[in-house]
Amino acid sequence: MGLLGELLLLPFAPVRGTGWVLRKVVDEAEKQYYDPAAIQAELRALEERLEAGEIDEAEFDRLEDSLLDRLEQKQKGMQGQ
């Protein structure tokens, strides 16, 4: 892009910068959300809650399935790369 184009787009620089920052935040959030180590830690904490009687078996199964689905999605994503 030439100098003239850059000058014309200069007023939109804050918007472009904000968009870039938002993309980086979303990328990092997804990275942490699908991190296998984080999911395994959540599974351990979930099991501790079950053993402590904080949740019942049905709630444990529902939450465990959700965590295992996240782990599976991460693995599928890695295979597609």
PDB file of N, CA and C in Angstrom:
ATOM      1  N   MET A   1       0.859  -1.158   0.000  1.00  0.00           N
ATOM      2  CA  MET A   1       0.000   0.000   0.000  1.00  0.00           C
ATOM      3  C   MET A   1       0.906   1.221   0.000  1.00  0.00           C
ATOM      4  N   GLY A   2       0.550   2.172  -0.803  1.00  0.00           N
ATOM      5  CA  GLY A   2       1.375   3.351  -0.935  1.00  0.00           C
ATOM      6  C   GLY A   2       1.159   4.352   0.184  1.00  0.00           C
ATOM      7  N   LEU A   3       1.937   5.399   0.117  1.00  0.00           N
ATOM      8  CA  LEU A   3       1.872   6.441   1.134  1.00  0.00           C
ATOM      9  C   LEU A   3       0.496   7.085   1.163  1.00  0.00           C
ATOM     10  N   LEU A   4      -0.080   7.337  -0.015  1.00  0.00           N
ATOM     11  CA  LEU A   4      -1.406   7.955  -0.077  1.00  0.00           C
ATOM     12  C   LEU A   4      -2.459   7.062   0.583  1.00  0.00           C
ATOM     13  N   GLY A   5      -2.390   5.782   0.327  1.00  0.00           N
ATOM     14  CA  GLY A   5      -3.325   4.848   0.943  1.00  0.00           C
ATOM     15  C   GLY A   5      -3.194   4.827   2.454  1.00  0.00           C
ATOM     16  N   GLU A   6      -1.952   4.844   2.923  1.00  0.00           N
ATOM     17  CA  GLU A   6      -1.716   4.873   4.368  1.00  0.00           C
ATOM     18  C   GLU A   6      -2.284   6.147   4.985  1.00  0.00           C
ATOM     19  N   LEU A   7      -2.101   7.270   4.315  1.00  0.00           N
ATOM     20  CA  LEU A   7      -2.629   8.538   4.830  1.00  0.00           C
ATOM     21  C   LEU A   7      -4.148   8.535   4.877  1.00  0.00           C
ATOM     22  N   LEU A   8      -4.767   7.959   3.857  1.00  0.00           N
ATOM     23  CA  LEU A   8      -6.229   7.909   3.824  1.00  0.00           C
ATOM     24  C   LEU A   8      -6.784   6.983   4.905  1.00  0.00           C
ATOM     25  N   LEU A   9      -6.065   5.927   5.225  1.00  0.00           N
ATOM     26  CA  LEU A   9      -6.530   4.963   6.222  1.00  0.00           C
ATOM     27  C   LEU A   9      -6.106   5.317   7.646  1.00  0.00           C
ATOM     28  N   LEU A  10      -5.306   6.364   7.793  1.00  0.00           N
ATOM     29  CA  LEU A  10      -4.810   6.747   9.109  1.00  0.00           C
ATOM     30  C   LEU A  10      -5.912   6.976  10.142  1.00  0.00           C
ATOM     31  N   PRO A  11      -7.032   7.616   9.789  1.00  0.00           N
ATOM     32  CA  PRO A  11      -8.086   7.788  10.803  1.00  0.00           C
ATOM     33  C   PRO A  11      -8.659   6.467  11.324  1.00  0.00           C
ATOM     34  N   PHE A  12      -8.498   5.402  10.570  1.00  0.00           N
ATOM     35  CA  PHE A  12      -9.036   4.103  10.977  1.00  0.00           C
ATOM     36  C   PHE A  12      -8.029   3.256  11.748  1.00  0.00           C
ATOM     37  N   ALA A  13      -6.845   3.791  11.992  1.00  0.00           N
ATOM     38  CA  ALA A  13      -5.802   3.040  12.689  1.00  0.00           C
ATOM     39  C   ALA A  13      -6.262   2.542  14.060  1.00  0.00           C
ATOM     40  N   PRO A  14      -6.940   3.354  14.881  1.00  0.00           N
ATOM     41  CA  PRO A  14      -7.388   2.824  16.179  1.00  0.00           C
ATOM     42  C   PRO A  14      -8.341   1.632  16.043  1.00  0.00           C
ATOM     43  N   VAL A  15      -9.196   1.659  15.047  1.00  0.00           N
ATOM     44  CA  VAL A  15     -10.131   0.552  14.828  1.00  0.00           C
ATOM     45  C   VAL A  15      -9.377  -0.698  14.401  1.00  0.00           C
ATOM     46  N   ARG A  16      -8.417  -0.520  13.489  1.00  0.00           N
ATOM     47  CA  ARG A  16      -7.623  -1.673  13.042  1.00  0.00           C
ATOM     48  C   ARG A  16      -6.802  -2.234  14.195  1.00  0.00           C
ATOM     49  N   GLY A  17      -6.257  -1.363  15.024  1.00  0.00           N
ATOM     50  CA  GLY A  17      -5.478  -1.802  16.176  1.00  0.00           C
ATOM     51  C   GLY A  17      -6.335  -2.544  17.185  1.00  0.00           C
ATOM     52  N   THR A  18      -7.539  -2.048  17.414  1.00  0.00           N
ATOM     53  CA  THR A  18      -8.460  -2.707  18.341  1.00  0.00           C
ATOM     54  C   THR A  18      -8.831  -4.091  17.831  1.00  0.00           C
ATOM     55  N   GLY A  19      -9.061  -4.194  16.530  1.00  0.00           N
ATOM     56  CA  GLY A  19      -9.378  -5.498  15.935  1.00  0.00           C
ATOM     57  C   GLY A  19      -8.240  -6.482  16.105  1.00  0.00           C
ATOM     58  N   TRP A  20      -7.018  -6.010  15.929  1.00  0.00           N
ATOM     59  CA  TRP A  20      -5.852  -6.870  16.095  1.00  0.00           C
ATOM     60  C   TRP A  20      -5.751  -7.363  17.543  1.00  0.00           C
ATOM     61  N   VAL A  21      -5.940  -6.447  18.485  1.00  0.00           N
ATOM     62  CA  VAL A  21      -5.872  -6.806  19.899  1.00  0.00           C
ATOM     63  C   VAL A  21      -6.953  -7.829  20.242  1.00  0.00           C
ATOM     64  N   LEU A  22      -8.160  -7.619  19.751  1.00  0.00           N
ATOM     65  CA  LEU A  22      -9.255  -8.560  20.020  1.00  0.00           C
ATOM     66  C   LEU A  22      -8.948  -9.947  19.462  1.00  0.00           C
ATOM     67  N   ARG A  23      -8.362  -9.999  18.261  1.00  0.00           N
ATOM     68  CA  ARG A  23      -8.009 -11.306  17.684  1.00  0.00           C
ATOM     69  C   ARG A  23      -6.965 -12.006  18.544  1.00  0.00           C
ATOM     70  N   LYS A  24      -5.998 -11.260  19.046  1.00  0.00           N
ATOM     71  CA  LYS A  24      -4.962 -11.852  19.896  1.00  0.00           C
ATOM     72  C   LYS A  24      -5.559 -12.365  21.207  1.00  0.00           C
ATOM     73  N   VAL A  25      -6.484 -11.601  21.793  1.00  0.00           N
ATOM     74  CA  VAL A  25      -7.123 -12.015  23.045  1.00  0.00           C
ATOM     75  C   VAL A  25      -7.926 -13.297  22.829  1.00  0.00           C
ATOM     76  N   VAL A  26      -8.679 -13.354  21.746  1.00  0.00           N
ATOM     77  CA  VAL A  26      -9.482 -14.549  21.441  1.00  0.00           C
ATOM     78  C   VAL A  26      -8.566 -15.751  21.195  1.00  0.00           C
ATOM     79  N   ASP A  27      -7.487 -15.545  20.458  1.00  0.00           N
ATOM     80  CA  ASP A  27      -6.549 -16.645  20.196  1.00  0.00           C
ATOM     81  C   ASP A  27      -5.979 -17.203  21.502  1.00  0.00           C
ATOM     82  N   GLU A  28      -5.580 -16.318  22.411  1.00  0.00           N
ATOM     83  CA  GLU A  28      -5.013 -16.753  23.684  1.00  0.00           C
ATOM     84  C   GLU A  28      -6.067 -17.459  24.543  1.00  0.00           C
ATOM     85  N   ALA A  29      -7.292 -16.930  24.539  1.00  0.00           N
ATOM     86  CA  ALA A  29      -8.368 -17.556  25.319  1.00  0.00           C
ATOM     87  C   ALA A  29      -8.653 -18.965  24.807  1.00  0.00           C
ATOM     88  N   GLU A  30      -8.689 -19.130  23.489  1.00  0.00           N
ATOM     89  CA  GLU A  30      -8.916 -20.459  22.921  1.00  0.00           C
ATOM     90  C   GLU A  30      -7.760 -21.394  23.247  1.00  0.00           C
ATOM     91  N   LYS A  31      -6.550 -20.877  23.200  1.00  0.00           N
ATOM     92  CA  LYS A  31      -5.374 -21.685  23.519  1.00  0.00           C
ATOM     93  C   LYS A  31      -5.462 -22.207  24.951  1.00  0.00           C
ATOM     94  N   GLN A  32      -5.839 -21.353  25.880  1.00  0.00           N
ATOM     95  CA  GLN A  32      -5.962 -21.772  27.276  1.00  0.00           C
ATOM     96  C   GLN A  32      -7.167 -22.691  27.482  1.00  0.00           C
ATOM     97  N   TYR A  33      -8.272 -22.407  26.788  1.00  0.00           N
ATOM     98  CA  TYR A  33      -9.498 -23.197  26.939  1.00  0.00           C
ATOM     99  C   TYR A  33      -9.277 -24.646  26.495  1.00  0.00           C
ATOM    100  N   TYR A  34      -8.503 -24.837  25.422  1.00  0.00           N
ATOM    101  CA  TYR A  34      -8.289 -26.174  24.876  1.00  0.00           C
ATOM    102  C   TYR A  34      -6.972 -26.802  25.334  1.00  0.00           C
ATOM    103  N   ASP A  35      -6.249 -26.174  26.253  1.00  0.00           N
ATOM    104  CA  ASP A  35      -4.984 -26.696  26.732  1.00  0.00           C
ATOM    105  C   ASP A  35      -5.213 -28.014  27.474  1.00  0.00           C
ATOM    106  N   PRO A  36      -4.600 -29.107  26.989  1.00  0.00           N
ATOM    107  CA  PRO A  36      -4.812 -30.414  27.639  1.00  0.00           C
ATOM    108  C   PRO A  36      -4.452 -30.423  29.125  1.00  0.00           C
ATOM    109  N   ALA A  37      -3.400 -29.725  29.504  1.00  0.00           N
ATOM    110  CA  ALA A  37      -3.006 -29.690  30.920  1.00  0.00           C
ATOM    111  C   ALA A  37      -4.087 -29.013  31.763  1.00  0.00           C
ATOM    112  N   ALA A  38      -4.666 -27.945  31.248  1.00  0.00           N
ATOM    113  CA  ALA A  38      -5.729 -27.248  31.978  1.00  0.00           C
ATOM    114  C   ALA A  38      -6.978 -28.123  32.088  1.00  0.00           C
ATOM    115  N   ILE A  39      -7.292 -28.832  31.022  1.00  0.00           N
ATOM    116  CA  ILE A  39      -8.465 -29.719  31.036  1.00  0.00           C
ATOM    117  C   ILE A  39      -8.249 -30.848  32.042  1.00  0.00           C
ATOM    118  N   GLN A  40      -7.052 -31.414  32.066  1.00  0.00           N
ATOM    119  CA  GLN A  40      -6.761 -32.487  33.021  1.00  0.00           C
ATOM    120  C   GLN A  40      -6.844 -31.984  34.460  1.00  0.00           C
ATOM    121  N   ALA A  41      -6.392 -30.755  34.686  1.00  0.00           N
ATOM    122  CA  ALA A  41      -6.492 -30.171  36.030  1.00  0.00           C
ATOM    123  C   ALA A  41      -7.958 -29.984  36.417  1.00  0.00           C
ATOM    124  N   GLU A  42      -8.771 -29.564  35.461  1.00  0.00           N
ATOM    125  CA  GLU A  42     -10.205 -29.403  35.725  1.00  0.00           C
ATOM    126  C   GLU A  42     -10.854 -30.746  36.004  1.00  0.00           C
ATOM    127  N   LEU A  43     -10.423 -31.787  35.299  1.00  0.00           N
ATOM    128  CA  LEU A  43     -10.958 -33.131  35.558  1.00  0.00           C
ATOM    129  C   LEU A  43     -10.609 -33.600  36.969  1.00  0.00           C
ATOM    130  N   ARG A  44      -9.375 -33.334  37.399  1.00  0.00           N
ATOM    131  CA  ARG A  44      -8.973 -33.716  38.758  1.00  0.00           C
ATOM    132  C   ARG A  44      -9.799 -32.957  39.800  1.00  0.00           C
ATOM    133  N   ALA A  45      -9.985 -31.676  39.567  1.00  0.00           N
ATOM    134  CA  ALA A  45     -10.771 -30.857  40.502  1.00  0.00           C
ATOM    135  C   ALA A  45     -12.222 -31.333  40.536  1.00  0.00           C
ATOM    136  N   LEU A  46     -12.730 -31.722  39.387  1.00  0.00           N
ATOM    137  CA  LEU A  46     -14.096 -32.223  39.306  1.00  0.00           C
ATOM    138  C   LEU A  46     -14.247 -33.514  40.108  1.00  0.00           C
ATOM    139  N   GLU A  47     -13.262 -34.394  39.991  1.00  0.00           N
ATOM    140  CA  GLU A  47     -13.295 -35.646  40.751  1.00  0.00           C
ATOM    141  C   GLU A  47     -13.224 -35.381  42.259  1.00  0.00           C
ATOM    142  N   GLU A  48     -12.418 -34.396  42.637  1.00  0.00           N
ATOM    143  CA  GLU A  48     -12.332 -34.023  44.053  1.00  0.00           C
ATOM    144  C   GLU A  48     -13.670 -33.498  44.570  1.00  0.00           C
ATOM    145  N   ARG A  49     -14.367 -32.732  43.740  1.00  0.00           N
ATOM    146  CA  ARG A  49     -15.683 -32.222  44.125  1.00  0.00           C
ATOM    147  C   ARG A  49     -16.679 -33.358  44.307  1.00  0.00           C
ATOM    148  N   LEU A  50     -16.596 -34.366  43.444  1.00  0.00           N
ATOM    149  CA  LEU A  50     -17.477 -35.528  43.560  1.00  0.00           C
ATOM    150  C   LEU A  50     -17.186 -36.276  44.860  1.00  0.00           C
ATOM    151  N   GLU A  51     -15.915 -36.510  45.123  1.00  0.00           N
ATOM    152  CA  GLU A  51     -15.529 -37.241  46.337  1.00  0.00           C
ATOM    153  C   GLU A  51     -15.888 -36.460  47.603  1.00  0.00           C
ATOM    154  N   ALA A  52     -15.873 -35.134  47.527  1.00  0.00           N
ATOM    155  CA  ALA A  52     -16.208 -34.295  48.684  1.00  0.00           C
ATOM    156  C   ALA A  52     -17.716 -34.149  48.861  1.00  0.00           C
ATOM    157  N   GLY A  53     -18.481 -34.672  47.899  1.00  0.00           N
ATOM    158  CA  GLY A  53     -19.936 -34.597  47.987  1.00  0.00           C
ATOM    159  C   GLY A  53     -20.515 -33.261  47.547  1.00  0.00           C
ATOM    160  N   GLU A  54     -19.705 -32.432  46.884  1.00  0.00           N
ATOM    161  CA  GLU A  54     -20.185 -31.131  46.426  1.00  0.00           C
ATOM    162  C   GLU A  54     -21.115 -31.250  45.221  1.00  0.00           C
ATOM    163  N   ILE A  55     -20.909 -32.311  44.435  1.00  0.00           N
ATOM    164  CA  ILE A  55     -21.768 -32.560  43.270  1.00  0.00           C
ATOM    165  C   ILE A  55     -22.170 -34.023  43.280  1.00  0.00           C
ATOM    166  N   ASP A  56     -23.271 -34.327  42.583  1.00  0.00           N
ATOM    167  CA  ASP A  56     -23.704 -35.718  42.503  1.00  0.00           C
ATOM    168  C   ASP A  56     -23.133 -36.367  41.237  1.00  0.00           C
ATOM    169  N   GLU A  57     -23.394 -37.651  41.103  1.00  0.00           N
ATOM    170  CA  GLU A  57     -22.856 -38.424  39.987  1.00  0.00           C
ATOM    171  C   GLU A  57     -23.328 -37.893  38.628  1.00  0.00           C
ATOM    172  N   ALA A  58     -24.594 -37.499  38.543  1.00  0.00           N
ATOM    173  CA  ALA A  58     -25.141 -36.990  37.277  1.00  0.00           C
ATOM    174  C   ALA A  58     -24.449 -35.700  36.865  1.00  0.00           C
ATOM    175  N   GLU A  59     -24.254 -34.799  37.811  1.00  0.00           N
ATOM    176  CA  GLU A  59     -23.566 -33.540  37.526  1.00  0.00           C
ATOM    177  C   GLU A  59     -22.117 -33.810  37.130  1.00  0.00           C
ATOM    178  N   PHE A  60     -21.474 -34.740  37.830  1.00  0.00           N
ATOM    179  CA  PHE A  60     -20.104 -35.117  37.508  1.00  0.00           C
ATOM    180  C   PHE A  60     -20.023 -35.630  36.065  1.00  0.00           C
ATOM    181  N   ASP A  61     -20.931 -36.528  35.701  1.00  0.00           N
ATOM    182  CA  ASP A  61     -20.923 -37.085  34.343  1.00  0.00           C
ATOM    183  C   ASP A  61     -21.116 -36.003  33.290  1.00  0.00           C
ATOM    184  N   ARG A  62     -22.032 -35.083  33.555  1.00  0.00           N
ATOM    185  CA  ARG A  62     -22.306 -34.011  32.588  1.00  0.00           C
ATOM    186  C   ARG A  62     -21.067 -33.124  32.405  1.00  0.00           C
ATOM    187  N   LEU A  63     -20.458 -32.723  33.505  1.00  0.00           N
ATOM    188  CA  LEU A  63     -19.285 -31.850  33.432  1.00  0.00           C
ATOM    189  C   LEU A  63     -18.068 -32.578  32.860  1.00  0.00           C
ATOM    190  N   GLU A  64     -17.923 -33.847  33.209  1.00  0.00           N
ATOM    191  CA  GLU A  64     -16.815 -34.640  32.678  1.00  0.00           C
ATOM    192  C   GLU A  64     -16.944 -34.784  31.159  1.00  0.00           C
ATOM    193  N   ASP A  65     -18.158 -35.052  30.688  1.00  0.00           N
ATOM    194  CA  ASP A  65     -18.380 -35.168  29.244  1.00  0.00           C
ATOM    195  C   ASP A  65     -18.006 -33.879  28.528  1.00  0.00           C
ATOM    196  N   SER A  66     -18.364 -32.753  29.129  1.00  0.00           N
ATOM    197  CA  SER A  66     -18.034 -31.460  28.535  1.00  0.00           C
ATOM    198  C   SER A  66     -16.520 -31.264  28.438  1.00  0.00           C
ATOM    199  N   LEU A  67     -15.805 -31.613  29.494  1.00  0.00           N
ATOM    200  CA  LEU A  67     -14.349 -31.478  29.484  1.00  0.00           C
ATOM    201  C   LEU A  67     -13.704 -32.429  28.480  1.00  0.00           C
ATOM    202  N   LEU A  68     -14.201 -33.651  28.415  1.00  0.00           N
ATOM    203  CA  LEU A  68     -13.653 -34.615  27.464  1.00  0.00           C
ATOM    204  C   LEU A  68     -13.939 -34.197  26.027  1.00  0.00           C
ATOM    205  N   ASP A  69     -15.089 -33.569  25.787  1.00  0.00           N
ATOM    206  CA  ASP A  69     -15.393 -33.039  24.456  1.00  0.00           C
ATOM    207  C   ASP A  69     -14.392 -31.957  24.060  1.00  0.00           C
ATOM    208  N   ARG A  70     -14.046 -31.078  25.012  1.00  0.00           N
ATOM    209  CA  ARG A  70     -13.045 -30.040  24.743  1.00  0.00           C
ATOM    210  C   ARG A  70     -11.709 -30.666  24.386  1.00  0.00           C
ATOM    211  N   LEU A  71     -11.324 -31.685  25.120  1.00  0.00           N
ATOM    212  CA  LEU A  71     -10.055 -32.357  24.862  1.00  0.00           C
ATOM    213  C   LEU A  71     -10.068 -33.015  23.485  1.00  0.00           C
ATOM    214  N   GLU A  72     -11.177 -33.628  23.140  1.00  0.00           N
ATOM    215  CA  GLU A  72     -11.309 -34.275  21.834  1.00  0.00           C
ATOM    216  C   GLU A  72     -11.265 -33.252  20.700  1.00  0.00           C
ATOM    217  N   GLN A  73     -11.915 -32.099  20.889  1.00  0.00           N
ATOM    218  CA  GLN A  73     -11.891 -31.051  19.869  1.00  0.00           C
ATOM    219  C   GLN A  73     -10.475 -30.562  19.640  1.00  0.00           C
ATOM    220  N   LYS A  74      -9.697 -30.427  20.690  1.00  0.00           N
ATOM    221  CA  LYS A  74      -8.304 -30.005  20.562  1.00  0.00           C
ATOM    222  C   LYS A  74      -7.515 -31.019  19.755  1.00  0.00           C
ATOM    223  N   GLN A  75      -7.723 -32.301  20.050  1.00  0.00           N
ATOM    224  CA  GLN A  75      -6.989 -33.342  19.341  1.00  0.00           C
ATOM    225  C   GLN A  75      -7.378 -33.385  17.865  1.00  0.00           C
ATOM    226  N   LYS A  76      -8.655 -33.187  17.574  1.00  0.00           N
ATOM    227  CA  LYS A  76      -9.096 -33.145  16.172  1.00  0.00           C
ATOM    228  C   LYS A  76      -8.492 -31.948  15.463  1.00  0.00           C
ATOM    229  N   GLY A  77      -8.410 -30.830  16.159  1.00  0.00           N
ATOM    230  CA  GLY A  77      -7.828 -29.629  15.584  1.00  0.00           C
ATOM    231  C   GLY A  77      -6.353 -29.814  15.254  1.00  0.00           C
ATOM    232  N   MET A  78      -5.662 -30.547  16.109  1.00  0.00           N
ATOM    233  CA  MET A  78      -4.241 -30.795  15.877  1.00  0.00           C
ATOM    234  C   MET A  78      -4.028 -31.736  14.700  1.00  0.00           C
ATOM    235  N   GLN A  79      -4.936 -32.677  14.491  1.00  0.00           N
ATOM    236  CA  GLN A  79      -4.810 -33.608  13.383  1.00  0.00           C
ATOM    237  C   GLN A  79      -5.059 -32.901  12.064  1.00  0.00           C
ATOM    238  N   GLY A  80      -5.900 -31.862  12.076  1.00  0.00           N
ATOM    239  CA  GLY A  80      -6.224 -31.139  10.855  1.00  0.00           C
ATOM    240  C   GLY A  80      -5.141 -30.183  10.418  1.00  0.00           C
ATOM    241  N   GLN A  81      -4.153 -29.944  11.276  1.00  0.00           N
ATOM    242  CA  GLN A  81      -3.101 -28.975  10.936  1.00  0.00           C
ATOM    243  C   GLN A  81      -2.039 -29.598  10.098  1.00  0.00           C
TER     244      GLN A  81
END
